[in-house]
C-alpha atoms as a PDB file:
ATOM      1  CA  UNK A   1     125.259 189.606 115.465  1.00  0.00           C
ATOM      2  CA  UNK A   2     125.217 191.179 119.043  1.00  0.00           C
ATOM      3  CA  UNK A   3     123.072 189.496 121.659  1.00  0.00           C
ATOM      4  CA  UNK A   4     119.416 190.323 121.495  1.00  0.00           C
ATOM      5  CA  UNK A   5     117.364 191.747 124.314  1.00  0.00           C
ATOM      6  CA  UNK A   6     116.082 189.090 126.686  1.00  0.00           C
ATOM      7  CA  UNK A   7     112.607 188.964 125.403  1.00  0.00           C
ATOM      8  CA  UNK A   8     113.645 188.781 121.624  1.00  0.00           C
ATOM      9  CA  UNK A   9     113.797 185.820 119.492  1.00  0.00           C
ATOM     10  CA  UNK A  10     114.915 185.129 116.260  1.00  0.00           C
ATOM     11  CA  UNK A  11     112.637 184.041 113.336  1.00  0.00           C
ATOM     12  CA  UNK A  12     113.356 181.718 110.459  1.00  0.00           C
ATOM     13  CA  UNK A  13     113.514 184.730 108.115  1.00  0.00           C
ATOM     14  CA  UNK A  14     115.926 186.714 110.317  1.00  0.00           C
ATOM     15  CA  UNK A  15     118.153 183.308 110.538  1.00  0.00           C
ATOM     16  CA  UNK A  16     118.054 183.098 106.729  1.00  0.00           C
ATOM     17  CA  UNK A  17     118.951 186.801 106.299  1.00  0.00           C
ATOM     18  CA  UNK A  18     121.817 186.393 108.805  1.00  0.00           C
ATOM     19  CA  UNK A  19     123.163 183.428 106.633  1.00  0.00           C
ATOM     20  CA  UNK A  20     124.312 181.463 109.730  1.00  0.00           C
ATOM     21  CA  UNK A  21     122.996 180.546 113.227  1.00  0.00           C
ATOM     22  CA  UNK A  22     124.522 182.430 116.131  1.00  0.00           C
ATOM     23  CA  UNK A  23     126.318 180.223 118.746  1.00  0.00           C
ATOM     24  CA  UNK A  24     124.148 178.930 121.697  1.00  0.00           C
ATOM     25  CA  UNK A  25     120.750 178.846 119.826  1.00  0.00           C
ATOM     26  CA  UNK A  26     117.703 177.129 121.191  1.00  0.00           C
ATOM     27  CA  UNK A  27     114.839 176.320 118.939  1.00  0.00           C
ATOM     28  CA  UNK A  28     111.038 176.489 120.045  1.00  0.00           C
ATOM     29  CA  UNK A  29     107.763 176.089 118.363  1.00  0.00           C
ATOM     30  CA  UNK A  30     105.608 179.125 118.203  1.00  0.00           C
ATOM     31  CA  UNK A  31     106.109 182.993 117.924  1.00  0.00           C
ATOM     32  CA  UNK A  32     108.133 185.343 119.916  1.00  0.00           C
ATOM     33  CA  UNK A  33     106.470 185.675 123.190  1.00  0.00           C
ATOM     34  CA  UNK A  34     105.120 182.136 123.360  1.00  0.00           C
ATOM     35  CA  UNK A  35     105.185 179.937 126.662  1.00  0.00           C
ATOM     36  CA  UNK A  36     107.901 177.894 125.086  1.00  0.00           C
ATOM     37  CA  UNK A  37     109.973 181.161 124.766  1.00  0.00           C
ATOM     38  CA  UNK A  38     109.527 181.638 128.373  1.00  0.00           C
ATOM     39  CA  UNK A  39     110.777 178.209 129.006  1.00  0.00           C
ATOM     40  CA  UNK A  40     113.845 178.923 127.028  1.00  0.00           C
ATOM     41  CA  UNK A  41     114.596 181.854 129.087  1.00  0.00           C
ATOM     42  CA  UNK A  42     113.971 180.089 132.362  1.00  0.00           C
ATOM     43  CA  UNK A  43     116.370 177.180 131.526  1.00  0.00           C
ATOM     44  CA  UNK A  44     119.094 178.794 129.184  1.00  0.00           C
ATOM     45  CA  UNK A  45     118.808 182.604 129.671  1.00  0.00           C
ATOM     46  CA  UNK A  46     121.981 183.243 127.872  1.00  0.00           C
ATOM     47  CA  UNK A  47     120.978 181.362 124.752  1.00  0.00           C
ATOM     48  CA  UNK A  48     119.383 183.002 121.648  1.00  0.00           C
ATOM     49  CA  UNK A  49     115.781 181.729 121.075  1.00  0.00           C
ATOM     50  CA  UNK A  50     114.781 180.558 117.474  1.00  0.00           C
ATOM     51  CA  UNK A  51     111.067 180.736 116.927  1.00  0.00           C
ATOM     52  CA  UNK A  52     109.929 177.905 114.743  1.00  0.00           C
ATOM     53  CA  UNK A  53     106.348 177.751 112.995  1.00  0.00           C
ATOM     54  CA  UNK A  54     105.776 174.049 113.799  1.00  0.00           C
ATOM     55  CA  UNK A  55     107.373 171.268 116.135  1.00  0.00           C
ATOM     56  CA  UNK A  56     108.677 169.789 112.945  1.00  0.00           C
ATOM     57  CA  UNK A  57     110.663 172.943 112.017  1.00  0.00           C
ATOM     58  CA  UNK A  58     111.970 173.184 115.410  1.00  0.00           C
ATOM     59  CA  UNK A  59     113.389 169.428 115.095  1.00  0.00           C
ATOM     60  CA  UNK A  60     114.849 170.142 111.819  1.00  0.00           C
ATOM     61  CA  UNK A  61     116.625 173.329 113.126  1.00  0.00           C
ATOM     62  CA  UNK A  62     118.360 171.269 115.753  1.00  0.00           C
ATOM     63  CA  UNK A  63     119.129 168.317 113.447  1.00  0.00           C
ATOM     64  CA  UNK A  64     120.576 170.602 110.768  1.00  0.00           C
ATOM     65  CA  UNK A  65     122.668 172.698 113.204  1.00  0.00           C
ATOM     66  CA  UNK A  66     120.638 175.780 113.185  1.00  0.00           C
ATOM     67  CA  UNK A  67     120.022 175.286 116.840  1.00  0.00           C
ATOM     68  CA  UNK A  68     122.074 173.602 119.438  1.00  0.00           C
ATOM     69  CA  UNK A  69     118.958 172.606 121.516  1.00  0.00           C
ATOM     70  CA  UNK A  70     115.235 172.592 121.292  1.00  0.00           C
ATOM     71  CA  UNK A  71     112.630 173.473 124.079  1.00  0.00           C
ATOM     72  CA  UNK A  72     109.650 171.221 123.111  1.00  0.00           C
ATOM     73  CA  UNK A  73     106.198 171.213 124.863  1.00  0.00           C
ATOM     74  CA  UNK A  74     105.250 167.580 125.331  1.00  0.00           C
ATOM     75  CA  UNK A  75     102.120 167.637 127.717  1.00  0.00           C
ATOM     76  CA  UNK A  76     100.072 170.066 129.964  1.00  0.00           C
ATOM     77  CA  UNK A  77      98.389 169.262 133.309  1.00  0.00           C
ATOM     78  CA  UNK A  78      95.031 170.119 131.926  1.00  0.00           C
ATOM     79  CA  UNK A  79      95.180 169.454 128.206  1.00  0.00           C
ATOM     80  CA  UNK A  80      97.129 166.336 128.258  1.00  0.00           C
ATOM     81  CA  UNK A  81      99.511 165.413 125.421  1.00  0.00           C
ATOM     82  CA  UNK A  82     100.616 168.202 122.996  1.00  0.00           C
ATOM     83  CA  UNK A  83      99.830 167.654 119.459  1.00  0.00           C
ATOM     84  CA  UNK A  84     101.808 165.308 117.285  1.00  0.00           C
ATOM     85  CA  UNK A  85     104.776 165.388 119.575  1.00  0.00           C
ATOM     86  CA  UNK A  86     104.860 161.547 120.265  1.00  0.00           C
ATOM     87  CA  UNK A  87     104.513 160.867 116.322  1.00  0.00           C
ATOM     88  CA  UNK A  88     107.583 163.199 115.675  1.00  0.00           C
ATOM     89  CA  UNK A  89     109.682 162.066 118.371  1.00  0.00           C
ATOM     90  CA  UNK A  90     110.775 158.485 117.099  1.00  0.00           C
ATOM     91  CA  UNK A  91     111.809 159.892 113.739  1.00  0.00           C
ATOM     92  CA  UNK A  92     113.523 162.925 114.872  1.00  0.00           C
ATOM     93  CA  UNK A  93     117.141 161.346 115.361  1.00  0.00           C
ATOM     94  CA  UNK A  94     117.334 163.831 118.425  1.00  0.00           C
ATOM     95  CA  UNK A  95     117.619 162.946 122.216  1.00  0.00           C
ATOM     96  CA  UNK A  96     116.033 164.173 125.403  1.00  0.00           C
ATOM     97  CA  UNK A  97     118.645 165.603 127.578  1.00  0.00           C
ATOM     98  CA  UNK A  98     116.566 167.381 130.367  1.00  0.00           C
ATOM     99  CA  UNK A  99     112.899 168.565 131.353  1.00  0.00           C
ATOM    100  CA  UNK A 100     111.533 171.516 132.873  1.00  0.00           C
ATOM    101  CA  UNK A 101     107.888 172.504 134.138  1.00  0.00           C
ATOM    102  CA  UNK A 102     106.421 175.883 133.479  1.00  0.00           C
ATOM    103  CA  UNK A 103     103.444 177.230 135.470  1.00  0.00           C
ATOM    104  CA  UNK A 104     101.093 178.852 132.696  1.00  0.00           C
ATOM    105  CA  UNK A 105      99.760 182.107 133.612  1.00  0.00           C
ATOM    106  CA  UNK A 106      97.431 183.668 130.914  1.00  0.00           C
ATOM    107  CA  UNK A 107      97.170 187.503 130.712  1.00  0.00           C
ATOM    108  CA  UNK A 108      94.241 189.501 128.973  1.00  0.00           C
ATOM    109  CA  UNK A 109      96.180 191.856 126.559  1.00  0.00           C
ATOM    110  CA  UNK A 110      94.602 194.846 124.913  1.00  0.00           C
ATOM    111  CA  UNK A 111      95.886 197.660 122.606  1.00  0.00           C
ATOM    112  CA  UNK A 112      97.201 200.753 124.477  1.00  0.00           C
ATOM    113  CA  UNK A 113      94.005 202.711 123.658  1.00  0.00           C
ATOM    114  CA  UNK A 114      91.808 199.853 124.953  1.00  0.00           C
ATOM    115  CA  UNK A 115      90.006 199.532 128.408  1.00  0.00           C
ATOM    116  CA  UNK A 116      88.654 196.347 130.030  1.00  0.00           C
ATOM    117  CA  UNK A 117      84.959 197.383 129.572  1.00  0.00           C
ATOM    118  CA  UNK A 118      85.411 197.919 125.857  1.00  0.00           C
ATOM    119  CA  UNK A 119      86.562 194.292 125.366  1.00  0.00           C
ATOM    120  CA  UNK A 120      83.967 191.979 123.402  1.00  0.00           C
ATOM    121  CA  UNK A 121      86.429 189.516 121.888  1.00  0.00           C
ATOM    122  CA  UNK A 122      89.263 187.560 123.078  1.00  0.00           C
ATOM    123  CA  UNK A 123      91.660 185.939 120.363  1.00  0.00           C
ATOM    124  CA  UNK A 124      93.896 183.113 121.382  1.00  0.00           C
ATOM    125  CA  UNK A 125      94.746 179.330 120.929  1.00  0.00           C
ATOM    126  CA  UNK A 126      91.742 177.052 121.687  1.00  0.00           C
ATOM    127  CA  UNK A 127      93.484 175.622 124.650  1.00  0.00           C
ATOM    128  CA  UNK A 128      94.134 179.001 126.316  1.00  0.00           C
ATOM    129  CA  UNK A 129      90.598 180.061 125.628  1.00  0.00           C
ATOM    130  CA  UNK A 130      89.243 176.908 127.199  1.00  0.00           C
ATOM    131  CA  UNK A 131      91.496 177.578 130.422  1.00  0.00           C
ATOM    132  CA  UNK A 132      89.983 181.171 130.854  1.00  0.00           C
ATOM    133  CA  UNK A 133      86.087 180.657 130.628  1.00  0.00           C
ATOM    134  CA  UNK A 134      85.349 182.294 133.829  1.00  0.00           C
ATOM    135  CA  UNK A 135      86.792 185.579 133.025  1.00  0.00           C
ATOM    136  CA  UNK A 136      85.241 185.743 129.683  1.00  0.00           C
ATOM    137  CA  UNK A 137      82.006 184.615 131.073  1.00  0.00           C
ATOM    138  CA  UNK A 138      82.021 187.345 133.676  1.00  0.00           C
ATOM    139  CA  UNK A 139      82.959 190.020 131.238  1.00  0.00           C
ATOM    140  CA  UNK A 140      80.595 188.874 128.564  1.00  0.00           C
ATOM    141  CA  UNK A 141      83.732 188.361 126.131  1.00  0.00           C
ATOM    142  CA  UNK A 142      83.214 186.073 123.027  1.00  0.00           C
ATOM    143  CA  UNK A 143      86.226 183.618 122.394  1.00  0.00           C
ATOM    144  CA  UNK A 144      87.760 183.751 118.951  1.00  0.00           C
ATOM    145  CA  UNK A 145      90.045 180.722 118.173  1.00  0.00           C
ATOM    146  CA  UNK A 146      93.401 181.606 116.505  1.00  0.00           C
ATOM    147  CA  UNK A 147      96.359 179.401 115.715  1.00  0.00           C
ATOM    148  CA  UNK A 148      98.330 180.228 118.990  1.00  0.00           C
ATOM    149  CA  UNK A 149      98.669 182.631 121.778  1.00  0.00           C
ATOM    150  CA  UNK A 150     101.633 184.738 120.945  1.00  0.00           C
ATOM    151  CA  UNK A 151     100.465 185.110 117.375  1.00  0.00           C
ATOM    152  CA  UNK A 152      97.167 186.340 118.699  1.00  0.00           C
ATOM    153  CA  UNK A 153      99.027 189.012 120.517  1.00  0.00           C
ATOM    154  CA  UNK A 154     101.078 189.955 117.353  1.00  0.00           C
ATOM    155  CA  UNK A 155      97.901 190.337 115.363  1.00  0.00           C
ATOM    156  CA  UNK A 156      96.242 192.492 118.012  1.00  0.00           C
ATOM    157  CA  UNK A 157      99.240 194.823 117.976  1.00  0.00           C
ATOM    158  CA  UNK A 158      99.431 195.190 114.354  1.00  0.00           C
ATOM    159  CA  UNK A 159      95.773 194.951 113.079  1.00  0.00           C
ATOM    160  CA  UNK A 160      93.506 194.671 116.259  1.00  0.00           C
ATOM    161  CA  UNK A 161      90.550 197.049 117.395  1.00  0.00           C
ATOM    162  CA  UNK A 162      90.182 198.588 120.892  1.00  0.00           C
ATOM    163  CA  UNK A 163      87.238 196.037 121.418  1.00  0.00           C
ATOM    164  CA  UNK A 164      89.485 193.156 120.745  1.00  0.00           C
ATOM    165  CA  UNK A 165      91.963 191.337 123.258  1.00  0.00           C
ATOM    166  CA  UNK A 166      94.278 188.582 123.095  1.00  0.00           C
ATOM    167  CA  UNK A 167      94.933 185.881 125.684  1.00  0.00           C
ATOM    168  CA  UNK A 168      98.727 185.274 126.054  1.00  0.00           C
ATOM    169  CA  UNK A 169     101.735 185.478 128.279  1.00  0.00           C
ATOM    170  CA  UNK A 170     103.162 188.577 129.765  1.00  0.00           C
ATOM    171  CA  UNK A 171     106.357 188.144 127.812  1.00  0.00           C
ATOM    172  CA  UNK A 172     103.904 188.508 124.606  1.00  0.00           C
ATOM    173  CA  UNK A 173     102.819 191.827 126.058  1.00  0.00           C
ATOM    174  CA  UNK A 174     106.384 193.121 126.184  1.00  0.00           C
ATOM    175  CA  UNK A 175     107.342 191.683 122.915  1.00  0.00           C
ATOM    176  CA  UNK A 176     104.223 193.332 121.077  1.00  0.00           C
ATOM    177  CA  UNK A 177     103.894 196.429 123.173  1.00  0.00           C
ATOM    178  CA  UNK A 178     100.525 195.570 124.628  1.00  0.00           C
ATOM    179  CA  UNK A 179      98.829 196.431 127.784  1.00  0.00           C
ATOM    180  CA  UNK A 180      97.824 193.900 130.524  1.00  0.00           C
ATOM    181  CA  UNK A 181      94.010 194.342 130.990  1.00  0.00           C
ATOM    182  CA  UNK A 182      93.682 191.676 133.561  1.00  0.00           C
ATOM    183  CA  UNK A 183      96.475 189.486 135.019  1.00  0.00           C
ATOM    184  CA  UNK A 184      96.483 185.947 135.567  1.00  0.00           C
ATOM    185  CA  UNK A 185      93.125 184.990 134.240  1.00  0.00           C
ATOM    186  CA  UNK A 186      93.540 181.260 134.163  1.00  0.00           C
ATOM    187  CA  UNK A 187      90.726 179.203 135.827  1.00  0.00           C
ATOM    188  CA  UNK A 188      93.032 176.770 137.473  1.00  0.00           C
ATOM    189  CA  UNK A 189      96.085 178.108 139.425  1.00  0.00           C
ATOM    190  CA  UNK A 190      98.093 174.913 138.846  1.00  0.00           C
ATOM    191  CA  UNK A 191      97.915 174.934 134.960  1.00  0.00           C
ATOM    192  CA  UNK A 192     101.491 173.734 134.148  1.00  0.00           C
ATOM    193  CA  UNK A 193     103.069 172.695 130.765  1.00  0.00           C
ATOM    194  CA  UNK A 194     106.203 170.205 130.806  1.00  0.00           C
ATOM    195  CA  UNK A 195     108.826 170.672 128.317  1.00  0.00           C
ATOM    196  CA  UNK A 196     111.742 168.238 127.281  1.00  0.00           C
ATOM    197  CA  UNK A 197     115.079 169.482 126.104  1.00  0.00           C
ATOM    198  CA  UNK A 198     116.163 168.030 122.700  1.00  0.00           C
ATOM    199  CA  UNK A 199     119.738 167.690 121.321  1.00  0.00           C
ATOM    200  CA  UNK A 200     121.398 166.045 118.477  1.00  0.00           C
ATOM    201  CA  UNK A 201     123.743 163.843 120.995  1.00  0.00           C
ATOM    202  CA  UNK A 202     122.403 161.962 124.097  1.00  0.00           C
ATOM    203  CA  UNK A 203     124.052 162.773 127.491  1.00  0.00           C
ATOM    204  CA  UNK A 204     126.767 160.335 128.196  1.00  0.00           C
ATOM    205  CA  UNK A 205     125.639 157.287 130.178  1.00  0.00           C
ATOM    206  CA  UNK A 206     128.861 157.466 132.283  1.00  0.00           C
ATOM    207  CA  UNK A 207     128.050 160.731 133.498  1.00  0.00           C
ATOM    208  CA  UNK A 208     124.535 159.911 134.088  1.00  0.00           C
ATOM    209  CA  UNK A 209     125.351 157.163 136.274  1.00  0.00           C
ATOM    210  CA  UNK A 210     126.693 159.662 138.905  1.00  0.00           C
ATOM    211  CA  UNK A 211     123.178 161.278 139.079  1.00  0.00           C
ATOM    212  CA  UNK A 212     120.346 160.245 141.108  1.00  0.00           C
ATOM    213  CA  UNK A 213     116.656 160.693 140.109  1.00  0.00           C
ATOM    214  CA  UNK A 214     117.086 159.827 136.522  1.00  0.00           C
ATOM    215  CA  UNK A 215     114.265 159.195 133.932  1.00  0.00           C
ATOM    216  CA  UNK A 216     114.656 157.034 130.710  1.00  0.00           C
ATOM    217  CA  UNK A 217     112.210 157.545 127.759  1.00  0.00           C
ATOM    218  CA  UNK A 218     111.556 154.948 125.181  1.00  0.00           C
ATOM    219  CA  UNK A 219     108.866 154.379 122.345  1.00  0.00           C
ATOM    220  CA  UNK A 220     107.820 150.820 121.510  1.00  0.00           C
ATOM    221  CA  UNK A 221     105.379 149.185 119.203  1.00  0.00           C
ATOM    222  CA  UNK A 222     103.109 146.095 119.992  1.00  0.00           C
ATOM    223  CA  UNK A 223     100.987 144.238 117.607  1.00  0.00           C
ATOM    224  CA  UNK A 224      97.204 144.212 118.380  1.00  0.00           C
ATOM    225  CA  UNK A 225      97.112 140.579 119.722  1.00  0.00           C
ATOM    226  CA  UNK A 226      95.602 139.392 123.083  1.00  0.00           C
ATOM    227  CA  UNK A 227      97.966 140.197 126.196  1.00  0.00           C
ATOM    228  CA  UNK A 228     100.731 141.866 124.124  1.00  0.00           C
ATOM    229  CA  UNK A 229     100.856 144.976 126.317  1.00  0.00           C
ATOM    230  CA  UNK A 230     100.585 142.775 129.522  1.00  0.00           C
ATOM    231  CA  UNK A 231     103.580 140.493 128.354  1.00  0.00           C
ATOM    232  CA  UNK A 232     105.679 143.441 127.190  1.00  0.00           C
ATOM    233  CA  UNK A 233     105.443 145.479 130.579  1.00  0.00           C
ATOM    234  CA  UNK A 234     105.780 142.188 132.802  1.00  0.00           C
ATOM    235  CA  UNK A 235     109.456 142.769 133.219  1.00  0.00           C
ATOM    236  CA  UNK A 236     109.062 146.262 134.742  1.00  0.00           C
ATOM    237  CA  UNK A 237     106.795 144.626 137.626  1.00  0.00           C
ATOM    238  CA  UNK A 238     109.073 141.525 138.264  1.00  0.00           C
ATOM    239  CA  UNK A 239     112.163 143.999 138.303  1.00  0.00           C
ATOM    240  CA  UNK A 240     110.491 146.543 140.447  1.00  0.00           C
ATOM    241  CA  UNK A 241     110.940 149.249 137.987  1.00  0.00           C
ATOM    242  CA  UNK A 242     108.644 152.309 138.464  1.00  0.00           C
ATOM    243  CA  UNK A 243     106.871 153.374 135.258  1.00  0.00           C
ATOM    244  CA  UNK A 244     106.235 157.285 135.407  1.00  0.00           C
ATOM    245  CA  UNK A 245     104.308 157.547 132.308  1.00  0.00           C
ATOM    246  CA  UNK A 246     102.710 155.410 129.559  1.00  0.00           C
ATOM    247  CA  UNK A 247     100.740 156.637 126.583  1.00  0.00           C
ATOM    248  CA  UNK A 248      99.433 154.831 123.644  1.00  0.00           C
ATOM    249  CA  UNK A 249      98.542 155.931 120.015  1.00  0.00           C
ATOM    250  CA  UNK A 250      97.902 154.444 116.750  1.00  0.00           C
ATOM    251  CA  UNK A 251     100.435 154.157 113.779  1.00  0.00           C
ATOM    252  CA  UNK A 252      99.316 153.636 110.234  1.00  0.00           C
ATOM    253  CA  UNK A 253      95.868 153.658 108.601  1.00  0.00           C
ATOM    254  CA  UNK A 254      95.130 150.103 109.309  1.00  0.00           C
ATOM    255  CA  UNK A 255      94.997 150.356 112.942  1.00  0.00           C
ATOM    256  CA  UNK A 256      97.091 147.095 113.259  1.00  0.00           C
ATOM    257  CA  UNK A 257      99.834 148.135 115.629  1.00  0.00           C
ATOM    258  CA  UNK A 258      99.875 150.539 118.601  1.00  0.00           C
ATOM    259  CA  UNK A 259     102.889 152.774 119.678  1.00  0.00           C
ATOM    260  CA  UNK A 260     103.650 153.445 123.359  1.00  0.00           C
ATOM    261  CA  UNK A 261     105.612 156.268 124.909  1.00  0.00           C
ATOM    262  CA  UNK A 262     107.066 155.118 128.036  1.00  0.00           C
ATOM    263  CA  UNK A 263     109.027 156.813 130.923  1.00  0.00           C
ATOM    264  CA  UNK A 264     110.643 155.066 133.767  1.00  0.00           C
ATOM    265  CA  UNK A 265     112.708 155.870 136.586  1.00  0.00           C
ATOM    266  CA  UNK A 266     116.415 154.655 136.504  1.00  0.00           C
ATOM    267  CA  UNK A 267     119.444 154.386 134.350  1.00  0.00           C
ATOM    268  CA  UNK A 268     119.468 152.112 131.493  1.00  0.00           C
ATOM    269  CA  UNK A 269     122.708 150.309 132.525  1.00  0.00           C
ATOM    270  CA  UNK A 270     121.102 149.765 136.251  1.00  0.00           C
ATOM    271  CA  UNK A 271     120.416 146.003 136.462  1.00  0.00           C
ATOM    272  CA  UNK A 272     116.517 146.132 137.229  1.00  0.00           C
ATOM    273  CA  UNK A 273     115.842 148.573 134.179  1.00  0.00           C
ATOM    274  CA  UNK A 274     118.389 146.766 132.019  1.00  0.00           C
ATOM    275  CA  UNK A 275     116.312 143.515 132.527  1.00  0.00           C
ATOM    276  CA  UNK A 276     113.077 145.061 132.191  1.00  0.00           C
ATOM    277  CA  UNK A 277     114.049 146.636 128.734  1.00  0.00           C
ATOM    278  CA  UNK A 278     115.501 143.254 127.683  1.00  0.00           C
ATOM    279  CA  UNK A 279     112.220 141.526 128.474  1.00  0.00           C
ATOM    280  CA  UNK A 280     110.242 144.388 126.562  1.00  0.00           C
ATOM    281  CA  UNK A 281     112.300 143.686 123.503  1.00  0.00           C
ATOM    282  CA  UNK A 282     111.059 140.032 123.340  1.00  0.00           C
ATOM    283  CA  UNK A 283     107.416 141.233 122.956  1.00  0.00           C
ATOM    284  CA  UNK A 284     107.717 144.287 120.810  1.00  0.00           C
ATOM    285  CA  UNK A 285     108.453 145.067 117.178  1.00  0.00           C
ATOM    286  CA  UNK A 286     110.717 148.022 117.887  1.00  0.00           C
ATOM    287  CA  UNK A 287     112.152 149.936 120.721  1.00  0.00           C
ATOM    288  CA  UNK A 288     113.507 153.472 120.256  1.00  0.00           C
ATOM    289  CA  UNK A 289     115.527 154.933 123.127  1.00  0.00           C
ATOM    290  CA  UNK A 290     114.713 158.721 123.404  1.00  0.00           C
ATOM    291  CA  UNK A 291     117.254 159.556 126.144  1.00  0.00           C
ATOM    292  CA  UNK A 292     118.081 159.644 129.782  1.00  0.00           C
ATOM    293  CA  UNK A 293     117.936 162.741 131.776  1.00  0.00           C
ATOM    294  CA  UNK A 294     117.775 164.137 135.398  1.00  0.00           C
ATOM    295  CA  UNK A 295     114.212 164.369 136.673  1.00  0.00           C
ATOM    296  CA  UNK A 296     113.248 168.200 137.311  1.00  0.00           C
ATOM    297  CA  UNK A 297     113.085 169.115 141.050  1.00  0.00           C
ATOM    298  CA  UNK A 298     109.434 170.280 140.222  1.00  0.00           C
ATOM    299  CA  UNK A 299     108.406 166.852 140.564  1.00  0.00           C
ATOM    300  CA  UNK A 300     109.364 166.517 144.160  1.00  0.00           C
ATOM    301  CA  UNK A 301     107.880 170.249 144.861  1.00  0.00           C
ATOM    302  CA  UNK A 302     104.595 168.916 143.336  1.00  0.00           C
ATOM    303  CA  UNK A 303     104.514 165.801 145.190  1.00  0.00           C
END
């Protein structure tokens, strides 16, 4: 198969019809034109994007060799944690090998025959609608919740009416031949989504040892007993290891155990982090290492 246009992405049906994955394929969750699709273009412009209906499907595509990498949205500066990612990560048998940050700019998209003063409805993902309240209020537009942003653009292109609009990316406008009725309609100018890059194999630790500004990600479980978390994390304080991120979520229907997603600075073979992880293992039921990777330069720019 010849290399497709920059803004094109394969779908599972196209992949199945072709019979084999092209070389240099990167999976993402969503439809062509999604913000994850833009992140793929940003980091790997020469790879073929593979659109997957769910995060689970994207993980399976990587694990089964249908994609070399995955571009997975993990959290947003306004909305927080993305979906069920933290439940899927420990069971994925995949590793984080990088991260990237994407500023999110929402566009009000309409059909070719539409004008802004005609629009009475805007269709999009609930998060996107919530991030564009001011424009919809100013133009008296009713928000209509759909499954995702790019999918809303696709449906508008194929089935929509002149009074309907979609809130999606500028890439979605190109993919589905829609016009941008109003640009950058997000309420917050610093709306940013963070993505992690997943692969079947971790980056070699000996290679990472030569790189500064590393992040190590792990998932661990503690029992719901007094001081469990305090004891588990004590080693990070005593060894002067900086924790970048710590999130908790329940596992199981009985609410007897809590799982934590943890990101720290450093290489796992560095003495401070190594000692902190060893101490963590004394007080936890299970630790799953998700990967070590270079911190994106966006962190310093944002700081």
